PDB file of N, CA and C in Angstrom:
ATOM      1  N   MET A   1      29.513 128.751 178.422  1.00  0.00           N
ATOM      2  CA  MET A   1      29.913 127.741 177.866  1.00  0.00           C
ATOM      3  C   MET A   1      29.236 126.447 178.557  1.00  0.00           C
ATOM      4  N   SER A   2      28.549 125.553 177.704  1.00  0.00           N
ATOM      5  CA  SER A   2      27.747 124.669 178.217  1.00  0.00           C
ATOM      6  C   SER A   2      28.706 123.139 177.679  1.00  0.00           C
ATOM      7  N   GLU A   3      28.992 122.288 178.813  1.00  0.00           N
ATOM      8  CA  GLU A   3      29.642 121.227 178.451  1.00  0.00           C
ATOM      9  C   GLU A   3      28.647 119.907 178.611  1.00  0.00           C
ATOM     10  N   GLU A   4      28.521 119.105 177.819  1.00  0.00           N
ATOM     11  CA  GLU A   4      27.825 117.935 177.700  1.00  0.00           C
ATOM     12  C   GLU A   4      28.690 116.688 178.374  1.00  0.00           C
ATOM     13  N   ARG A   5      28.214 116.167 179.392  1.00  0.00           N
ATOM     14  CA  ARG A   5      29.138 115.010 179.940  1.00  0.00           C
ATOM     15  C   ARG A   5      28.224 113.718 179.842  1.00  0.00           C
ATOM     16  N   ASN A   6      28.925 112.861 179.416  1.00  0.00           N
ATOM     17  CA  ASN A   6      28.527 111.406 179.191  1.00  0.00           C
ATOM     18  C   ASN A   6      28.129 110.584 180.404  1.00  0.00           C
ATOM     19  N   ALA A   7      26.938 110.436 180.705  1.00  0.00           N
ATOM     20  CA  ALA A   7      26.644 109.935 182.078  1.00  0.00           C
ATOM     21  C   ALA A   7      26.882 108.347 182.304  1.00  0.00           C
ATOM     22  N   ILE A   8      26.866 107.812 181.004  1.00  0.00           N
ATOM     23  CA  ILE A   8      26.991 106.291 181.209  1.00  0.00           C
ATOM     24  C   ILE A   8      28.185 105.959 181.726  1.00  0.00           C
ATOM     25  N   PRO A   9      29.348 106.246 181.611  1.00  0.00           N
ATOM     26  CA  PRO A   9      30.797 105.822 182.656  1.00  0.00           C
ATOM     27  C   PRO A   9      30.345 106.237 183.956  1.00  0.00           C
ATOM     28  N   LEU A  10      29.716 107.247 184.099  1.00  0.00           N
ATOM     29  CA  LEU A  10      29.565 107.439 185.538  1.00  0.00           C
ATOM     30  C   LEU A  10      28.473 106.483 186.257  1.00  0.00           C
ATOM     31  N   ILE A  11      27.356 106.151 185.643  1.00  0.00           N
ATOM     32  CA  ILE A  11      26.709 105.010 185.880  1.00  0.00           C
ATOM     33  C   ILE A  11      27.195 103.770 186.185  1.00  0.00           C
ATOM     34  N   ILE A  12      27.903 103.343 185.204  1.00  0.00           N
ATOM     35  CA  ILE A  12      28.748 102.168 185.107  1.00  0.00           C
ATOM     36  C   ILE A  12      29.793 101.911 186.362  1.00  0.00           C
ATOM     37  N   THR A  13      30.566 102.994 186.897  1.00  0.00           N
ATOM     38  CA  THR A  13      31.429 103.214 187.741  1.00  0.00           C
ATOM     39  C   THR A  13      30.504 103.133 188.927  1.00  0.00           C
ATOM     40  N   GLY A  14      29.441 103.707 189.292  1.00  0.00           N
ATOM     41  CA  GLY A  14      28.678 103.437 190.445  1.00  0.00           C
ATOM     42  C   GLY A  14      28.255 102.019 190.750  1.00  0.00           C
ATOM     43  N   ILE A  15      27.558 101.425 189.607  1.00  0.00           N
ATOM     44  CA  ILE A  15      27.071 100.276 189.705  1.00  0.00           C
ATOM     45  C   ILE A  15      28.223  99.171 189.852  1.00  0.00           C
ATOM     46  N   CYS A  16      29.516  99.262 189.063  1.00  0.00           N
ATOM     47  CA  CYS A  16      30.772  98.310 189.661  1.00  0.00           C
ATOM     48  C   CYS A  16      31.215  98.694 191.037  1.00  0.00           C
ATOM     49  N   SER A  17      31.117  99.727 191.431  1.00  0.00           N
ATOM     50  CA  SER A  17      31.595 100.164 192.931  1.00  0.00           C
ATOM     51  C   SER A  17      30.532  99.367 193.964  1.00  0.00           C
ATOM     52  N   ILE A  18      29.183  99.516 193.630  1.00  0.00           N
ATOM     53  CA  ILE A  18      28.328  98.822 194.712  1.00  0.00           C
ATOM     54  C   ILE A  18      28.558  97.306 194.672  1.00  0.00           C
ATOM     55  N   ILE A  19      28.517  96.815 193.392  1.00  0.00           N
ATOM     56  CA  ILE A  19      28.821  95.253 193.220  1.00  0.00           C
ATOM     57  C   ILE A  19      30.273  94.858 194.022  1.00  0.00           C
ATOM     58  N   GLY A  20      31.161  95.524 193.789  1.00  0.00           N
ATOM     59  CA  GLY A  20      32.716  95.308 194.519  1.00  0.00           C
ATOM     60  C   GLY A  20      32.617  95.303 196.071  1.00  0.00           C
ATOM     61  N   THR A  21      32.054  96.294 196.357  1.00  0.00           N
ATOM     62  CA  THR A  21      31.801  96.502 197.835  1.00  0.00           C
ATOM     63  C   THR A  21      31.052  95.462 198.507  1.00  0.00           C
ATOM     64  N   VAL A  22      29.914  95.016 197.813  1.00  0.00           N
ATOM     65  CA  VAL A  22      28.958  93.915 198.512  1.00  0.00           C
ATOM     66  C   VAL A  22      29.833  92.692 198.195  1.00  0.00           C
ATOM     67  N   GLY A  23      30.672  92.282 197.066  1.00  0.00           N
ATOM     68  CA  GLY A  23      31.620  91.204 197.048  1.00  0.00           C
ATOM     69  C   GLY A  23      32.511  91.260 197.781  1.00  0.00           C
ATOM     70  N   CYS A  24      33.158  92.223 198.282  1.00  0.00           N
ATOM     71  CA  CYS A  24      34.254  92.170 199.319  1.00  0.00           C
ATOM     72  C   CYS A  24      33.616  91.958 200.895  1.00  0.00           C
ATOM     73  N   LEU A  25      32.441  92.631 201.234  1.00  0.00           N
ATOM     74  CA  LEU A  25      31.922  92.546 202.531  1.00  0.00           C
ATOM     75  C   LEU A  25      31.356  90.988 202.619  1.00  0.00           C
ATOM     76  N   TRP A  26      30.905  90.363 201.348  1.00  0.00           N
ATOM     77  CA  TRP A  26      30.491  88.956 201.651  1.00  0.00           C
ATOM     78  C   TRP A  26      31.692  88.123 201.792  1.00  0.00           C
ATOM     79  N   TYR A  27      32.816  88.279 200.959  1.00  0.00           N
ATOM     80  CA  TYR A  27      34.118  87.329 201.024  1.00  0.00           C
ATOM     81  C   TYR A  27      34.766  87.322 202.408  1.00  0.00           C
ATOM     82  N   TYR A  28      34.637  88.380 203.231  1.00  0.00           N
ATOM     83  CA  TYR A  28      35.266  88.685 204.391  1.00  0.00           C
ATOM     84  C   TYR A  28      34.347  88.127 205.503  1.00  0.00           C
ATOM     85  N   GLY A  29      33.061  87.906 205.253  1.00  0.00           N
ATOM     86  CA  GLY A  29      32.183  87.570 206.115  1.00  0.00           C
ATOM     87  C   GLY A  29      31.326  88.685 206.971  1.00  0.00           C
ATOM     88  N   TYR A  30      31.674  89.756 206.441  1.00  0.00           N
ATOM     89  CA  TYR A  30      30.881  90.864 207.081  1.00  0.00           C
ATOM     90  C   TYR A  30      29.198  90.958 206.433  1.00  0.00           C
ATOM     91  N   LEU A  31      29.123  90.393 205.614  1.00  0.00           N
ATOM     92  CA  LEU A  31      27.745  90.093 204.712  1.00  0.00           C
ATOM     93  C   LEU A  31      27.058  88.703 204.729  1.00  0.00           C
ATOM     94  N   HIS A  32      26.100  88.352 205.215  1.00  0.00           N
ATOM     95  CA  HIS A  32      25.614  86.939 205.134  1.00  0.00           C
ATOM     96  C   HIS A  32      24.323  86.835 204.517  1.00  0.00           C
ATOM     97  N   PHE A  33      24.176  86.006 203.363  1.00  0.00           N
ATOM     98  CA  PHE A  33      22.825  85.922 202.822  1.00  0.00           C
ATOM     99  C   PHE A  33      22.399  84.814 203.354  1.00  0.00           C
ATOM    100  N   ALA A  34      21.287  84.901 203.967  1.00  0.00           N
ATOM    101  CA  ALA A  34      20.627  83.814 204.925  1.00  0.00           C
ATOM    102  C   ALA A  34      19.912  82.806 203.883  1.00  0.00           C
ATOM    103  N   LYS A  35      20.040  81.425 204.528  1.00  0.00           N
ATOM    104  CA  LYS A  35      19.116  80.442 203.637  1.00  0.00           C
ATOM    105  C   LYS A  35      18.237  79.798 204.477  1.00  0.00           C
ATOM    106  N   PRO A  36      17.380  79.328 203.928  1.00  0.00           N
ATOM    107  CA  PRO A  36      16.400  78.428 204.838  1.00  0.00           C
ATOM    108  C   PRO A  36      17.036  77.392 205.621  1.00  0.00           C
ATOM    109  N   GLU A  37      18.057  76.894 205.236  1.00  0.00           N
ATOM    110  CA  GLU A  37      18.674  75.700 205.976  1.00  0.00           C
ATOM    111  C   GLU A  37      19.463  76.222 206.998  1.00  0.00           C
ATOM    112  N   ASP A  38      19.835  77.827 207.148  1.00  0.00           N
ATOM    113  CA  ASP A  38      20.727  78.135 208.295  1.00  0.00           C
ATOM    114  C   ASP A  38      19.788  78.520 209.456  1.00  0.00           C
ATOM    115  N   ALA A  39      18.678  78.391 209.274  1.00  0.00           N
ATOM    116  CA  ALA A  39      17.718  78.802 210.536  1.00  0.00           C
ATOM    117  C   ALA A  39      17.927  77.563 211.347  1.00  0.00           C
ATOM    118  N   LEU A  40      17.723  77.655 212.794  1.00  0.00           N
ATOM    119  CA  LEU A  40      17.553  76.797 213.915  1.00  0.00           C
ATOM    120  C   LEU A  40      16.353  76.738 214.029  1.00  0.00           C
ATOM    121  N   LEU A  41      15.716  75.571 214.100  1.00  0.00           N
ATOM    122  CA  LEU A  41      14.120  75.457 214.632  1.00  0.00           C
ATOM    123  C   LEU A  41      14.076  75.408 216.168  1.00  0.00           C
ATOM    124  N   LEU A  42      13.199  75.956 216.840  1.00  0.00           N
ATOM    125  CA  LEU A  42      12.877  76.217 218.277  1.00  0.00           C
ATOM    126  C   LEU A  42      12.659  74.614 218.827  1.00  0.00           C
ATOM    127  N   ASN A  43      12.109  73.710 218.046  1.00  0.00           N
ATOM    128  CA  ASN A  43      12.039  72.565 218.793  1.00  0.00           C
ATOM    129  C   ASN A  43      13.085  71.630 218.717  1.00  0.00           C
ATOM    130  N   ASP A  44      14.613  72.097 218.313  1.00  0.00           N
ATOM    131  CA  ASP A  44      15.746  71.546 218.354  1.00  0.00           C
ATOM    132  C   ASP A  44      16.310  71.639 219.706  1.00  0.00           C
ATOM    133  N   TYR A  45      15.579  72.560 220.689  1.00  0.00           N
ATOM    134  CA  TYR A  45      16.066  72.694 221.948  1.00  0.00           C
ATOM    135  C   TYR A  45      15.068  72.144 222.890  1.00  0.00           C
ATOM    136  N   THR A  46      15.416  71.589 224.105  1.00  0.00           N
ATOM    137  CA  THR A  46      14.574  71.388 225.219  1.00  0.00           C
ATOM    138  C   THR A  46      15.283  71.816 226.386  1.00  0.00           C
ATOM    139  N   MET A  47      14.437  72.089 227.413  1.00  0.00           N
ATOM    140  CA  MET A  47      14.731  72.374 228.729  1.00  0.00           C
ATOM    141  C   MET A  47      14.800  71.153 229.420  1.00  0.00           C
ATOM    142  N   LEU A  48      15.676  70.806 230.203  1.00  0.00           N
ATOM    143  CA  LEU A  48      15.833  69.757 231.149  1.00  0.00           C
ATOM    144  C   LEU A  48      15.630  70.204 232.313  1.00  0.00           C
ATOM    145  N   LYS A  49      14.745  69.926 233.433  1.00  0.00           N
ATOM    146  CA  LYS A  49      14.217  70.259 234.816  1.00  0.00           C
ATOM    147  C   LYS A  49      15.099  69.712 235.466  1.00  0.00           C
ATOM    148  N   THR A  50      15.662  70.153 236.458  1.00  0.00           N
ATOM    149  CA  THR A  50      16.535  69.624 237.418  1.00  0.00           C
ATOM    150  C   THR A  50      16.042  69.574 238.610  1.00  0.00           C
ATOM    151  N   LEU A  51      15.809  68.519 239.411  1.00  0.00           N
ATOM    152  CA  LEU A  51      15.431  68.306 240.678  1.00  0.00           C
ATOM    153  C   LEU A  51      16.533  67.954 241.559  1.00  0.00           C
ATOM    154  N   PRO A  52      16.673  68.207 242.682  1.00  0.00           N
ATOM    155  CA  PRO A  52      17.476  68.001 243.821  1.00  0.00           C
ATOM    156  C   PRO A  52      17.221  66.733 243.922  1.00  0.00           C
ATOM    157  N   GLY A  53      18.622  65.671 243.842  1.00  0.00           N
ATOM    158  CA  GLY A  53      18.749  64.246 244.217  1.00  0.00           C
ATOM    159  C   GLY A  53      18.420  63.340 242.972  1.00  0.00           C
ATOM    160  N   GLU A  54      17.929  64.123 241.784  1.00  0.00           N
ATOM    161  CA  GLU A  54      17.751  63.399 240.764  1.00  0.00           C
ATOM    162  C   GLU A  54      19.050  63.383 239.374  1.00  0.00           C
ATOM    163  N   ASP A  55      19.116  62.145 238.811  1.00  0.00           N
ATOM    164  CA  ASP A  55      20.312  62.531 237.921  1.00  0.00           C
ATOM    165  C   ASP A  55      19.706  62.678 236.584  1.00  0.00           C
ATOM    166  N   TYR A  56      20.448  63.115 235.627  1.00  0.00           N
ATOM    167  CA  TYR A  56      20.012  63.325 234.418  1.00  0.00           C
ATOM    168  C   TYR A  56      21.045  63.074 233.512  1.00  0.00           C
ATOM    169  N   LYS A  57      20.907  62.531 232.173  1.00  0.00           N
ATOM    170  CA  LYS A  57      22.044  62.374 231.389  1.00  0.00           C
ATOM    171  C   LYS A  57      22.148  63.444 230.170  1.00  0.00           C
ATOM    172  N   VAL A  58      23.246  63.763 229.904  1.00  0.00           N
ATOM    173  CA  VAL A  58      23.335  64.454 228.816  1.00  0.00           C
ATOM    174  C   VAL A  58      24.731  64.194 227.879  1.00  0.00           C
ATOM    175  N   SER A  59      24.619  64.520 226.819  1.00  0.00           N
ATOM    176  CA  SER A  59      25.979  64.034 226.002  1.00  0.00           C
ATOM    177  C   SER A  59      27.233  64.688 226.293  1.00  0.00           C
ATOM    178  N   LEU A  60      28.150  64.176 226.004  1.00  0.00           N
ATOM    179  CA  LEU A  60      29.699  64.769 226.575  1.00  0.00           C
ATOM    180  C   LEU A  60      30.082  65.836 225.417  1.00  0.00           C
ATOM    181  N   THR A  61      29.453  65.394 224.231  1.00  0.00           N
ATOM    182  CA  THR A  61      30.198  66.529 223.303  1.00  0.00           C
ATOM    183  C   THR A  61      29.046  67.873 223.155  1.00  0.00           C
ATOM    184  N   PRO A  62      29.845  68.958 223.230  1.00  0.00           N
ATOM    185  CA  PRO A  62      28.909  70.022 223.293  1.00  0.00           C
ATOM    186  C   PRO A  62      28.421  70.565 222.072  1.00  0.00           C
ATOM    187  N   ALA A  63      27.381  71.293 222.080  1.00  0.00           N
ATOM    188  CA  ALA A  63      26.460  71.793 220.942  1.00  0.00           C
ATOM    189  C   ALA A  63      27.446  72.761 220.015  1.00  0.00           C
ATOM    190  N   ASN A  64      27.006  73.097 218.789  1.00  0.00           N
ATOM    191  CA  ASN A  64      27.670  73.729 218.153  1.00  0.00           C
ATOM    192  C   ASN A  64      27.534  75.569 218.296  1.00  0.00           C
ATOM    193  N   GLN A  65      26.483  75.575 219.353  1.00  0.00           N
ATOM    194  CA  GLN A  65      26.276  77.083 219.656  1.00  0.00           C
ATOM    195  C   GLN A  65      26.760  77.277 221.030  1.00  0.00           C
ATOM    196  N   VAL A  66      26.936  78.633 221.164  1.00  0.00           N
ATOM    197  CA  VAL A  66      27.288  79.271 222.686  1.00  0.00           C
ATOM    198  C   VAL A  66      26.287  80.269 222.846  1.00  0.00           C
ATOM    199  N   ALA A  67      25.856  80.186 223.981  1.00  0.00           N
ATOM    200  CA  ALA A  67      24.819  81.334 224.528  1.00  0.00           C
ATOM    201  C   ALA A  67      25.523  82.375 225.162  1.00  0.00           C
ATOM    202  N   GLN A  68      25.143  83.553 224.877  1.00  0.00           N
ATOM    203  CA  GLN A  68      25.696  84.727 225.779  1.00  0.00           C
ATOM    204  C   GLN A  68      24.213  85.876 226.173  1.00  0.00           C
ATOM    205  N   CYS A  69      24.418  86.310 227.251  1.00  0.00           N
ATOM    206  CA  CYS A  69      23.505  87.471 227.670  1.00  0.00           C
ATOM    207  C   CYS A  69      23.925  88.645 227.010  1.00  0.00           C
ATOM    208  N   VAL A  70      22.971  89.319 225.993  1.00  0.00           N
ATOM    209  CA  VAL A  70      23.538  90.432 225.440  1.00  0.00           C
ATOM    210  C   VAL A  70      21.915  91.613 225.817  1.00  0.00           C
ATOM    211  N   ASP A  71      22.201  92.514 226.558  1.00  0.00           N
ATOM    212  CA  ASP A  71      21.184  93.144 227.046  1.00  0.00           C
ATOM    213  C   ASP A  71      19.947  92.505 227.647  1.00  0.00           C
ATOM    214  N   GLY A  72      20.357  91.512 228.301  1.00  0.00           N
ATOM    215  CA  GLY A  72      19.062  90.812 228.998  1.00  0.00           C
ATOM    216  C   GLY A  72      18.681  89.759 228.273  1.00  0.00           C
ATOM    217  N   ILE A  73      19.031  89.389 227.076  1.00  0.00           N
ATOM    218  CA  ILE A  73      18.368  88.549 225.991  1.00  0.00           C
ATOM    219  C   ILE A  73      19.318  87.370 225.787  1.00  0.00           C
ATOM    220  N   VAL A  74      18.906  86.111 225.856  1.00  0.00           N
ATOM    221  CA  VAL A  74      19.786  85.028 225.393  1.00  0.00           C
ATOM    222  C   VAL A  74      20.027  84.845 223.910  1.00  0.00           C
ATOM    223  N   VAL A  75      21.217  85.094 223.506  1.00  0.00           N
ATOM    224  CA  VAL A  75      21.755  85.351 222.231  1.00  0.00           C
ATOM    225  C   VAL A  75      22.544  84.109 221.842  1.00  0.00           C
ATOM    226  N   LEU A  76      22.330  83.246 220.826  1.00  0.00           N
ATOM    227  CA  LEU A  76      23.143  82.114 220.429  1.00  0.00           C
ATOM    228  C   LEU A  76      23.936  82.599 219.318  1.00  0.00           C
ATOM    229  N   PHE A  77      25.181  81.897 219.447  1.00  0.00           N
ATOM    230  CA  PHE A  77      26.265  82.165 218.328  1.00  0.00           C
ATOM    231  C   PHE A  77      26.757  80.859 218.121  1.00  0.00           C
ATOM    232  N   ASP A  78      26.496  80.778 216.577  1.00  0.00           N
ATOM    233  CA  ASP A  78      26.924  79.441 216.048  1.00  0.00           C
ATOM    234  C   ASP A  78      28.596  79.309 215.835  1.00  0.00           C
ATOM    235  N   THR A  79      29.151  78.247 216.371  1.00  0.00           N
ATOM    236  CA  THR A  79      30.848  78.095 216.206  1.00  0.00           C
ATOM    237  C   THR A  79      31.062  77.681 214.956  1.00  0.00           C
ATOM    238  N   GLU A  80      30.108  77.050 214.232  1.00  0.00           N
ATOM    239  CA  GLU A  80      30.623  76.504 213.057  1.00  0.00           C
ATOM    240  C   GLU A  80      30.342  77.365 211.558  1.00  0.00           C
ATOM    241  N   GLN A  81      29.341  78.170 211.631  1.00  0.00           N
ATOM    242  CA  GLN A  81      29.062  79.277 210.572  1.00  0.00           C
ATOM    243  C   GLN A  81      29.396  80.407 211.138  1.00  0.00           C
ATOM    244  N   LYS A  82      30.422  81.188 210.703  1.00  0.00           N
ATOM    245  CA  LYS A  82      30.742  82.493 210.955  1.00  0.00           C
ATOM    246  C   LYS A  82      29.550  83.640 210.526  1.00  0.00           C
ATOM    247  N   GLY A  83      29.204  84.260 211.995  1.00  0.00           N
ATOM    248  CA  GLY A  83      28.166  85.216 211.429  1.00  0.00           C
ATOM    249  C   GLY A  83      26.750  84.868 211.958  1.00  0.00           C
ATOM    250  N   LEU A  84      26.394  83.621 212.066  1.00  0.00           N
ATOM    251  CA  LEU A  84      25.098  83.171 212.447  1.00  0.00           C
ATOM    252  C   LEU A  84      24.743  83.236 213.819  1.00  0.00           C
ATOM    253  N   THR A  85      24.036  84.188 214.084  1.00  0.00           N
ATOM    254  CA  THR A  85      23.434  84.343 215.427  1.00  0.00           C
ATOM    255  C   THR A  85      22.131  84.372 215.574  1.00  0.00           C
ATOM    256  N   GLY A  86      21.317  84.127 216.718  1.00  0.00           N
ATOM    257  CA  GLY A  86      20.081  84.034 216.905  1.00  0.00           C
ATOM    258  C   GLY A  86      19.444  84.251 218.110  1.00  0.00           C
ATOM    259  N   VAL A  87      18.174  84.750 218.493  1.00  0.00           N
ATOM    260  CA  VAL A  87      17.669  85.054 219.719  1.00  0.00           C
ATOM    261  C   VAL A  87      17.066  83.595 220.036  1.00  0.00           C
ATOM    262  N   LEU A  88      17.224  83.161 221.520  1.00  0.00           N
ATOM    263  CA  LEU A  88      16.314  81.959 221.805  1.00  0.00           C
ATOM    264  C   LEU A  88      14.953  82.684 222.052  1.00  0.00           C
ATOM    265  N   VAL A  89      13.778  81.854 221.735  1.00  0.00           N
ATOM    266  CA  VAL A  89      12.620  82.234 221.934  1.00  0.00           C
ATOM    267  C   VAL A  89      11.859  81.053 222.262  1.00  0.00           C
ATOM    268  N   ASN A  90      10.662  81.232 223.052  1.00  0.00           N
ATOM    269  CA  ASN A  90       9.647  80.163 223.415  1.00  0.00           C
ATOM    270  C   ASN A  90       8.651  79.814 222.151  1.00  0.00           C
ATOM    271  N   ASN A  91       7.784  79.144 222.435  1.00  0.00           N
ATOM    272  CA  ASN A  91       6.840  78.624 221.267  1.00  0.00           C
ATOM    273  C   ASN A  91       5.705  79.901 221.073  1.00  0.00           C
ATOM    274  N   LYS A  92       5.875  80.962 221.906  1.00  0.00           N
ATOM    275  CA  LYS A  92       4.959  81.988 221.515  1.00  0.00           C
ATOM    276  C   LYS A  92       5.791  83.071 221.195  1.00  0.00           C
ATOM    277  N   LYS A  93       7.016  83.018 220.615  1.00  0.00           N
ATOM    278  CA  LYS A  93       7.889  83.947 220.103  1.00  0.00           C
ATOM    279  C   LYS A  93       8.359  85.036 221.023  1.00  0.00           C
ATOM    280  N   GLN A  94       8.491  84.547 222.287  1.00  0.00           N
ATOM    281  CA  GLN A  94       8.640  85.446 223.221  1.00  0.00           C
ATOM    282  C   GLN A  94      10.184  85.349 223.478  1.00  0.00           C
ATOM    283  N   ALA A  95      10.970  86.328 223.445  1.00  0.00           N
ATOM    284  CA  ALA A  95      12.643  86.064 223.916  1.00  0.00           C
ATOM    285  C   ALA A  95      12.848  85.644 225.296  1.00  0.00           C
ATOM    286  N   VAL A  96      13.805  84.646 225.521  1.00  0.00           N
ATOM    287  CA  VAL A  96      13.947  83.932 226.675  1.00  0.00           C
ATOM    288  C   VAL A  96      15.133  85.314 227.427  1.00  0.00           C
ATOM    289  N   HIS A  97      14.783  85.696 228.615  1.00  0.00           N
ATOM    290  CA  HIS A  97      15.541  86.772 229.200  1.00  0.00           C
ATOM    291  C   HIS A  97      16.735  85.927 230.061  1.00  0.00           C
ATOM    292  N   CYS A  98      17.644  86.646 230.390  1.00  0.00           N
ATOM    293  CA  CYS A  98      18.660  86.222 231.236  1.00  0.00           C
ATOM    294  C   CYS A  98      19.144  87.429 232.248  1.00  0.00           C
ATOM    295  N   LEU A  99      19.857  87.083 232.981  1.00  0.00           N
ATOM    296  CA  LEU A  99      20.288  88.009 234.436  1.00  0.00           C
ATOM    297  C   LEU A  99      21.611  88.367 233.811  1.00  0.00           C
ATOM    298  N   ASP A 100      21.813  89.763 233.704  1.00  0.00           N
ATOM    299  CA  ASP A 100      22.912  90.480 233.307  1.00  0.00           C
ATOM    300  C   ASP A 100      23.887  90.556 234.715  1.00  0.00           C
ATOM    301  N   GLN A 101      25.116  89.868 234.350  1.00  0.00           N
ATOM    302  CA  GLN A 101      25.830  90.076 235.665  1.00  0.00           C
ATOM    303  C   GLN A 101      27.380  90.737 235.289  1.00  0.00           C
TER     304      GLN A 101
END
């Protein structure tokens, strides 16, 4: 006995399931579609060299990013945009390392 199944409902169910899954992941913040304005430029950061006996001035308001040492690499987490992270690199695209403690 050969039964022929209509494949169209199965295909539609699969496509709707994928769209629904992606929509739920995006809604709850587990999936982020990066936009060009989300990128932080390297020249937005400057290293202040500290010398003994010399004063330097910095702003009292903290930056919107928090740095953490992950596997020996400096990783920046944005506090305003959930899920936005980045690796701190120099002008040669080399990752800035940190001391794991």
